Amino acid sequence: MGGAERGGPGRAGRLVSGIAVALGAVLFLGGFAWAALVYKPYTVPTDSMAPTIARGARVLAQRIDGDDVRRGDVVVFHDKVWGDTAMVKRVVGVGGDTVACCDRRGRMTVNGTPVEEPYLHGGGPASSDFSATVPKGELFLLGDHRADSVDSRFHLGKDQGAIPRDAVSARVDAVLWPAGDLGVLSRPAAFDALPGGTSRPGPVRLLAVAVVAGAALILGGAAYGPVARLLTRRRASGGPASGGPASGGKASGGTGRAVAPHG
């Protein structure tokens, strides 16, 4: 045991520390590598998705096939009719749906079913009046800030304002920046009751746990050696102060010499 103290942390401690650092590196680097394969970052260029996603926000979007898109998804797409840049909107209708606005309570309807949309910007009706039947294999898209969104309502003259499914390249799973908006996007419950339901979130939460756990293991494992050596030195330097026999002997001897003449 004395050899372990003189040499710093013991063999078992060094082994555990090394394993922790190695496992942490696998989780940390593996998490980033997996994320790079599954996700792609985007910057949202407009206010059309506020308040869900603000202008200039950095989002993490899962690479998907257009056939995987469901109502309620916030997607990244590119369509020449809409412009020369990638855009971000919410899917509210799929092929065969009739999307219209508004019912007597100002709600959008899909196939006659009113849709509650708590993510919308501001109060009032969900949109100005419109009605469109989505062609097969296409998607009808709206922004959450309906008063400031150029979306399917403005392209009704061509394919009822819809875009092909294969124009979609990714589905937004999380907001990365600004820090105050950091989080995973929830799937709107309003679309659950419609045929096909809503999509399932990607592995973004699992990836975040892997990266954070990996970083914690790396830091904890790397800190073990210095902390163990510091504690060892403190115990070693505190030994004489707490060693009663050495100091006690001197005190006793001094007292003996002082009282010897009296004896």
Protein backbone atom coordinates (compact mmCIF):
# COMPACT_ATOMS: atom_id res chain seq x y z
CA MET A 1 0.00 0.00 0.00
CA GLY A 2 2.93 2.33 0.74
CA GLY A 3 4.21 1.84 -2.82
CA ALA A 4 0.83 2.85 -4.21
CA GLU A 5 0.85 6.00 -2.09
CA ARG A 6 4.39 6.95 -3.12
CA GLY A 7 3.59 6.38 -6.81
CA GLY A 8 0.25 8.22 -6.78
CA PRO A 9 -3.05 6.51 -7.69
CA GLY A 10 -3.09 2.73 -7.46
CA ARG A 11 -3.17 0.32 -10.38
CA ALA A 12 -6.89 -0.36 -10.04
CA GLY A 13 -7.65 3.35 -10.02
CA ARG A 14 -5.53 3.96 -13.09
CA LEU A 15 -7.26 1.10 -14.87
CA VAL A 16 -10.74 2.43 -14.08
CA SER A 17 -9.63 5.92 -15.11
CA GLY A 18 -8.31 4.66 -18.43
CA ILE A 19 -11.48 2.70 -19.16
CA ALA A 20 -13.62 5.75 -18.35
CA VAL A 21 -11.62 7.97 -20.72
CA ALA A 22 -11.72 5.35 -23.51
CA LEU A 23 -15.45 4.76 -23.14
CA GLY A 24 -16.06 8.50 -22.96
CA ALA A 25 -14.11 9.05 -26.17
CA VAL A 26 -16.16 6.37 -27.94
CA LEU A 27 -19.45 7.93 -26.82
CA PHE A 28 -18.36 11.51 -27.49
CA LEU A 29 -16.79 11.01 -30.90
CA GLY A 30 -19.29 8.32 -31.88
CA GLY A 31 -22.17 10.63 -31.01
CA PHE A 32 -20.80 13.38 -33.25
CA ALA A 33 -20.04 10.92 -36.06
CA TRP A 34 -23.55 9.45 -35.89
CA ALA A 35 -25.06 12.94 -35.85
CA ALA A 36 -23.03 13.90 -38.93
CA LEU A 37 -24.46 10.91 -40.80
CA VAL A 38 -28.07 11.38 -39.71
CA TYR A 39 -28.43 15.15 -39.37
CA LYS A 40 -27.55 18.33 -41.19
CA PRO A 41 -27.56 21.88 -39.73
CA TYR A 42 -29.53 24.67 -41.41
CA THR A 43 -30.07 28.36 -40.80
CA VAL A 44 -33.68 29.55 -41.11
CA PRO A 45 -33.63 32.66 -43.33
CA THR A 46 -37.04 34.22 -42.58
CA ASP A 47 -39.62 34.86 -39.85
CA SER A 48 -42.17 32.58 -41.51
CA MET A 49 -41.80 29.82 -38.88
CA ALA A 50 -41.92 32.11 -35.83
CA PRO A 51 -42.50 31.60 -32.96
CA THR A 52 -41.54 27.92 -33.42
CA ILE A 53 -38.28 28.84 -35.14
CA ALA A 54 -36.99 32.42 -35.25
CA ARG A 55 -35.23 34.12 -38.15
CA GLY A 56 -31.52 33.25 -38.12
CA ALA A 57 -32.00 30.21 -35.86
CA ARG A 58 -29.72 27.21 -36.36
CA VAL A 59 -31.66 23.97 -36.58
CA LEU A 60 -30.73 20.31 -36.76
CA ALA A 61 -32.61 18.48 -39.50
CA GLN A 62 -32.70 14.72 -39.98
CA ARG A 63 -31.94 13.50 -43.49
CA ILE A 64 -35.06 11.64 -44.64
CA ASP A 65 -36.80 10.47 -47.76
CA GLY A 66 -39.87 12.42 -48.83
CA ASP A 67 -42.02 9.32 -48.37
CA ASP A 68 -41.35 9.48 -44.61
CA VAL A 69 -42.97 12.91 -44.22
CA ARG A 70 -46.16 13.18 -42.15
CA ARG A 71 -48.58 16.00 -41.39
CA GLY A 72 -47.22 18.35 -38.77
CA ASP A 73 -43.57 17.83 -39.74
CA VAL A 74 -41.37 20.90 -40.17
CA VAL A 75 -39.35 20.14 -43.29
CA VAL A 76 -36.44 21.52 -45.29
CA PHE A 77 -37.15 21.52 -49.03
CA HIS A 78 -36.06 23.05 -52.30
CA ASP A 79 -38.46 23.80 -55.13
CA LYS A 80 -37.62 26.05 -58.09
CA VAL A 81 -41.11 27.54 -58.15
CA TRP A 82 -40.61 28.77 -54.58
CA GLY A 83 -37.06 30.07 -55.06
CA ASP A 84 -33.43 29.12 -55.41
CA THR A 85 -32.73 28.43 -51.74
CA ALA A 86 -33.66 25.79 -49.18
CA MET A 87 -36.81 26.70 -47.26
CA VAL A 88 -38.38 25.57 -43.99
CA LYS A 89 -42.17 25.14 -43.62
CA ARG A 90 -44.70 22.92 -41.86
CA VAL A 91 -46.54 20.14 -43.69
CA VAL A 92 -50.30 20.46 -43.12
CA GLY A 93 -51.60 18.31 -45.95
CA VAL A 94 -50.54 15.25 -47.94
CA GLY A 95 -51.71 13.77 -51.23
CA GLY A 96 -55.52 13.50 -51.41
CA ASP A 97 -56.17 15.94 -48.53
CA THR A 98 -58.43 18.95 -48.85
CA VAL A 99 -56.94 21.77 -46.79
CA ALA A 100 -59.13 24.80 -46.17
CA CYS A 101 -59.58 27.81 -43.94
CA CYS A 102 -61.42 28.74 -41.96
CA ASP A 103 -64.23 27.22 -39.91
CA ARG A 104 -66.48 29.36 -37.69
CA ARG A 105 -63.83 29.40 -34.97
CA GLY A 106 -61.08 30.51 -37.35
CA ARG A 107 -59.39 27.09 -37.49
CA MET A 108 -57.83 25.41 -40.51
CA THR A 109 -59.49 22.15 -41.55
CA VAL A 110 -58.03 19.02 -43.16
CA ASN A 111 -60.65 16.87 -44.89
CA GLY A 112 -63.27 18.75 -42.89
CA THR A 113 -61.60 18.07 -39.52
CA PRO A 114 -60.69 21.24 -37.58
CA VAL A 115 -57.03 21.37 -36.55
CA GLU A 116 -55.95 23.08 -33.34
CA GLU A 117 -52.62 24.81 -33.95
CA PRO A 118 -51.09 26.07 -30.69
CA TYR A 119 -47.80 26.80 -32.45
CA LEU A 120 -49.24 29.66 -34.55
CA HIS A 121 -47.97 33.22 -34.20
CA GLY A 122 -50.48 35.57 -32.57
CA GLY A 123 -54.22 35.20 -32.21
CA GLY A 124 -57.05 35.44 -34.69
CA PRO A 125 -57.90 33.07 -37.53
CA ALA A 126 -55.38 30.53 -38.78
CA SER A 127 -55.27 32.19 -42.21
CA SER A 128 -57.19 34.16 -44.74
CA ASP A 129 -59.74 32.07 -46.65
CA PHE A 130 -58.42 29.41 -49.05
CA SER A 131 -59.14 25.86 -50.15
CA ALA A 132 -56.89 23.36 -51.93
CA THR A 133 -56.92 19.68 -52.77
CA VAL A 134 -53.41 18.24 -52.60
CA PRO A 135 -52.36 16.16 -55.64
CA LYS A 136 -51.20 12.60 -55.02
CA GLY A 137 -47.54 12.35 -54.04
CA GLU A 138 -47.32 16.00 -53.03
CA LEU A 139 -47.33 18.10 -49.84
CA PHE A 140 -49.14 21.28 -48.79
CA LEU A 141 -46.93 23.57 -46.69
CA LEU A 142 -47.63 26.57 -44.45
CA GLY A 143 -45.49 28.73 -42.16
CA ASP A 144 -46.39 29.07 -38.48
CA HIS A 145 -46.35 32.86 -38.85
CA ARG A 146 -49.24 32.86 -41.31
CA ALA A 147 -49.27 36.66 -41.73
CA ASP A 148 -45.58 36.69 -42.72
CA SER A 149 -45.19 33.47 -44.71
CA VAL A 150 -45.07 33.01 -48.47
CA ASP A 151 -46.21 29.40 -48.69
CA SER A 152 -48.59 27.06 -50.52
CA ARG A 153 -51.40 29.62 -50.28
CA PHE A 154 -49.44 31.90 -52.64
CA HIS A 155 -48.83 29.18 -55.24
CA LEU A 156 -52.35 27.80 -55.63
CA GLY A 157 -52.24 28.29 -59.40
CA LYS A 158 -49.72 25.44 -59.82
CA ASP A 159 -50.49 21.99 -58.40
CA GLN A 160 -52.73 23.61 -55.78
CA GLY A 161 -49.65 25.16 -54.15
CA ALA A 162 -48.17 21.76 -53.30
CA ILE A 163 -44.62 20.51 -53.77
CA PRO A 164 -43.44 16.99 -54.70
CA ARG A 165 -42.44 14.76 -51.80
CA ASP A 166 -38.99 14.30 -53.31
CA ALA A 167 -38.36 18.05 -52.94
CA VAL A 168 -37.97 17.42 -49.19
CA SER A 169 -34.42 16.73 -48.04
CA ALA A 170 -34.74 16.79 -44.24
CA ARG A 171 -37.08 17.10 -41.27
CA VAL A 172 -36.28 19.55 -38.45
CA ASP A 173 -35.84 17.76 -35.13
CA ALA A 174 -34.25 20.40 -32.89
CA VAL A 175 -33.25 24.03 -32.52
CA LEU A 176 -29.57 24.53 -31.65
CA TRP A 177 -29.35 28.33 -31.56
CA PRO A 178 -30.23 30.77 -30.02
CA ALA A 179 -29.52 29.12 -26.66
CA GLY A 180 -32.86 30.28 -25.26
CA ASP A 181 -34.71 28.24 -27.89
CA LEU A 182 -32.52 25.14 -27.56
CA GLY A 183 -34.65 22.01 -27.61
CA VAL A 184 -36.37 19.25 -29.56
CA LEU A 185 -39.42 20.11 -31.65
CA SER A 186 -42.55 18.34 -30.49
CA ARG A 187 -44.94 16.67 -32.91
CA PRO A 188 -48.33 18.47 -33.04
CA ALA A 189 -51.02 16.37 -31.37
CA ALA A 190 -53.65 17.97 -33.62
CA PHE A 191 -52.63 15.73 -36.53
CA ASP A 192 -52.56 12.46 -34.55
CA ALA A 193 -56.19 11.64 -35.30
CA LEU A 194 -55.78 11.98 -39.07
CA PRO A 195 -54.86 8.94 -41.22
CA GLY A 196 -51.14 8.21 -41.03
CA GLY A 197 -50.74 10.05 -37.73
CA THR A 198 -47.54 11.97 -37.01
CA SER A 199 -43.90 11.00 -37.45
CA ARG A 200 -41.62 9.77 -34.70
CA PRO A 201 -38.70 11.97 -33.58
CA GLY A 202 -35.24 11.00 -34.75
CA PRO A 203 -32.39 9.93 -32.46
CA VAL A 204 -31.45 13.50 -31.48
CA ARG A 205 -32.09 12.94 -27.75
CA LEU A 206 -30.06 9.74 -27.74
CA LEU A 207 -27.20 11.50 -29.53
CA ALA A 208 -27.25 14.35 -27.01
CA VAL A 209 -27.10 11.88 -24.10
CA ALA A 210 -24.16 10.05 -25.72
CA VAL A 211 -22.17 13.25 -26.26
CA VAL A 212 -22.83 14.63 -22.76
CA ALA A 213 -22.13 11.28 -21.06
CA GLY A 214 -18.95 10.89 -23.12
CA ALA A 215 -17.70 14.33 -22.13
CA ALA A 216 -18.42 13.61 -18.45
CA LEU A 217 -16.53 10.30 -18.56
CA ILE A 218 -13.54 11.88 -20.29
CA LEU A 219 -13.33 14.73 -17.78
CA GLY A 220 -13.93 12.44 -14.81
CA GLY A 221 -11.38 9.87 -15.94
CA ALA A 222 -8.75 12.49 -16.76
CA ALA A 223 -9.26 14.21 -13.40
CA TYR A 224 -8.81 11.02 -11.37
CA GLY A 225 -5.01 10.96 -11.47
CA PRO A 226 -4.38 14.59 -10.37
CA VAL A 227 -7.09 14.41 -7.68
CA ALA A 228 -5.76 11.10 -6.31
CA ARG A 229 -2.18 12.45 -6.16
CA LEU A 230 -3.37 15.61 -4.41
CA LEU A 231 -5.24 13.59 -1.79
CA THR A 232 -2.21 11.31 -1.32
CA ARG A 233 0.08 14.28 -0.70
CA ARG A 234 -2.37 15.76 1.78
CA ARG A 235 -2.56 12.50 3.72
CA ALA A 236 1.23 12.20 3.72
CA SER A 237 1.80 15.76 4.94
CA GLY A 238 -0.87 15.38 7.61
CA GLY A 239 0.68 12.17 9.05
CA PRO A 240 3.12 13.67 11.67
CA ALA A 241 0.52 16.12 12.96
CA SER A 242 -1.87 13.30 13.73
CA GLY A 243 0.81 10.85 14.86
CA GLY A 244 0.34 10.82 18.66
CA PRO A 245 3.28 8.57 19.64
CA ALA A 246 6.01 10.80 18.18
CA SER A 247 4.77 14.11 19.56
CA GLY A 248 3.49 12.51 22.76
CA GLY A 249 6.91 11.01 23.55
CA LYS A 250 8.61 14.38 23.35
CA ALA A 251 6.02 15.98 25.61
CA SER A 252 6.32 13.18 28.14
CA GLY A 253 10.12 13.36 28.12
CA GLY A 254 10.04 17.09 28.68
CA THR A 255 7.67 16.72 31.58
CA GLY A 256 9.88 14.01 33.11
CA ARG A 257 12.93 16.25 33.10
CA ALA A 258 10.98 19.11 34.65
CA VAL A 259 9.69 17.09 37.61
CA ALA A 260 12.76 14.92 38.15
CA PRO A 261 14.32 17.20 40.83
CA HIS A 262 11.11 17.05 42.86
CA GLY A 263 11.42 13.26 42.89
